């Protein structure tokens, strides 16, 4: 199943999987993921097969044309990820 990387990151953040979301966002995986071919890498982020399948189903339709709204949503997701990453690093250091 193909899904946008940013959509999967957003879904992970929404369900409380911050560590996996940060690892996925920072990964070298392409912007469009195939849950079958990229499954092994996704599992290394601490996810289980069922979680990947469930979140991929929830993000169906996440791959859209690269229009202004899509870029805006992508930018918002990137900012959210950056804030959460900074928060996680602060927690790890304190």
Protein backbone atom coordinates (compact mmCIF):
# COMPACT_ATOMS: atom_id res chain seq x y z
CA UNK A 1 0.00 0.00 0.00
CA UNK A 2 1.42 3.40 -0.94
CA UNK A 3 1.22 6.29 1.48
CA UNK A 4 2.80 9.72 1.83
CA UNK A 5 5.65 9.79 4.33
CA UNK A 6 4.38 13.04 5.87
CA UNK A 7 0.91 11.55 6.32
CA UNK A 8 2.34 8.54 8.11
CA UNK A 9 4.49 10.79 10.31
CA UNK A 10 1.44 12.88 11.20
CA UNK A 11 -0.55 9.75 12.03
CA UNK A 12 2.26 8.45 14.24
CA UNK A 13 2.35 11.74 16.13
CA UNK A 14 -1.42 11.65 16.54
CA UNK A 15 -1.38 8.19 18.11
CA UNK A 16 1.51 9.03 20.46
CA UNK A 17 4.34 7.26 18.62
CA UNK A 18 6.64 10.30 18.80
CA UNK A 19 9.91 8.36 18.63
CA UNK A 20 8.84 6.42 15.54
CA UNK A 21 7.54 9.63 13.95
CA UNK A 22 10.85 11.41 14.46
CA UNK A 23 12.84 8.44 13.18
CA UNK A 24 10.63 8.20 10.10
CA UNK A 25 10.78 11.93 9.44
CA UNK A 26 14.58 11.91 9.71
CA UNK A 27 14.95 8.75 7.62
CA UNK A 28 16.19 8.61 4.06
CA UNK A 29 13.01 6.85 2.96
CA UNK A 30 11.32 8.47 -0.05
CA UNK A 31 8.37 10.87 0.29
CA UNK A 32 6.09 8.14 -1.03
CA UNK A 33 6.30 4.92 0.97
CA UNK A 34 5.22 1.46 -0.02
CA UNK A 35 4.29 -0.37 3.17
CA UNK A 36 5.24 -3.69 1.59
CA UNK A 37 8.71 -2.82 0.31
CA UNK A 38 9.55 -0.38 3.15
CA UNK A 39 8.11 -2.58 5.92
CA UNK A 40 11.47 -3.83 7.20
CA UNK A 41 12.70 -0.27 7.78
CA UNK A 42 9.42 0.78 9.40
CA UNK A 43 9.69 -2.16 11.80
CA UNK A 44 13.15 -0.97 12.91
CA UNK A 45 11.46 2.20 14.21
CA UNK A 46 9.71 0.12 16.86
CA UNK A 47 6.45 -0.37 15.00
CA UNK A 48 4.64 -3.65 14.56
CA UNK A 49 3.26 -4.95 11.26
CA UNK A 50 -0.33 -4.43 12.42
CA UNK A 51 0.40 -0.82 13.39
CA UNK A 52 1.92 -0.09 10.01
CA UNK A 53 -1.07 -1.61 8.22
CA UNK A 54 -3.59 0.23 10.40
CA UNK A 55 -1.90 3.61 10.02
CA UNK A 56 -1.45 3.14 6.29
CA UNK A 57 -5.18 2.48 5.96
CA UNK A 58 -5.96 5.61 7.97
CA UNK A 59 -3.73 7.72 5.73
CA UNK A 60 -5.13 6.52 2.41
CA UNK A 61 -5.60 9.48 0.15
CA UNK A 62 -2.60 11.16 1.69
CA UNK A 63 -0.76 11.22 -1.64
CA UNK A 64 -2.04 14.27 -3.45
CA UNK A 65 -0.94 16.57 -6.21
CA UNK A 66 1.87 18.93 -5.26
CA UNK A 67 -0.31 22.02 -5.05
CA UNK A 68 -0.23 25.01 -2.69
CA UNK A 69 -2.38 23.31 -0.05
CA UNK A 70 -0.27 20.16 -0.08
CA UNK A 71 2.92 22.18 0.33
CA UNK A 72 1.33 24.15 3.17
CA UNK A 73 0.28 20.96 4.99
CA UNK A 74 3.75 19.48 4.43
CA UNK A 75 5.35 22.63 5.87
CA UNK A 76 3.04 22.49 8.90
CA UNK A 77 3.94 18.84 9.45
CA UNK A 78 7.66 19.64 9.17
CA UNK A 79 7.29 22.41 11.79
CA UNK A 80 5.37 20.08 14.11
CA UNK A 81 8.04 17.41 13.72
CA UNK A 82 10.79 19.95 14.40
CA UNK A 83 9.05 21.16 17.57
CA UNK A 84 8.47 17.61 18.79
CA UNK A 85 12.05 16.65 17.97
CA UNK A 86 13.36 19.63 19.94
CA UNK A 87 11.08 18.71 22.86
CA UNK A 88 12.28 15.08 22.81
CA UNK A 89 15.92 16.17 22.74
CA UNK A 90 15.30 18.53 25.68
CA UNK A 91 13.71 15.68 27.66
CA UNK A 92 16.60 13.33 26.86
CA UNK A 93 19.17 15.91 27.95
CA UNK A 94 17.46 16.76 31.25
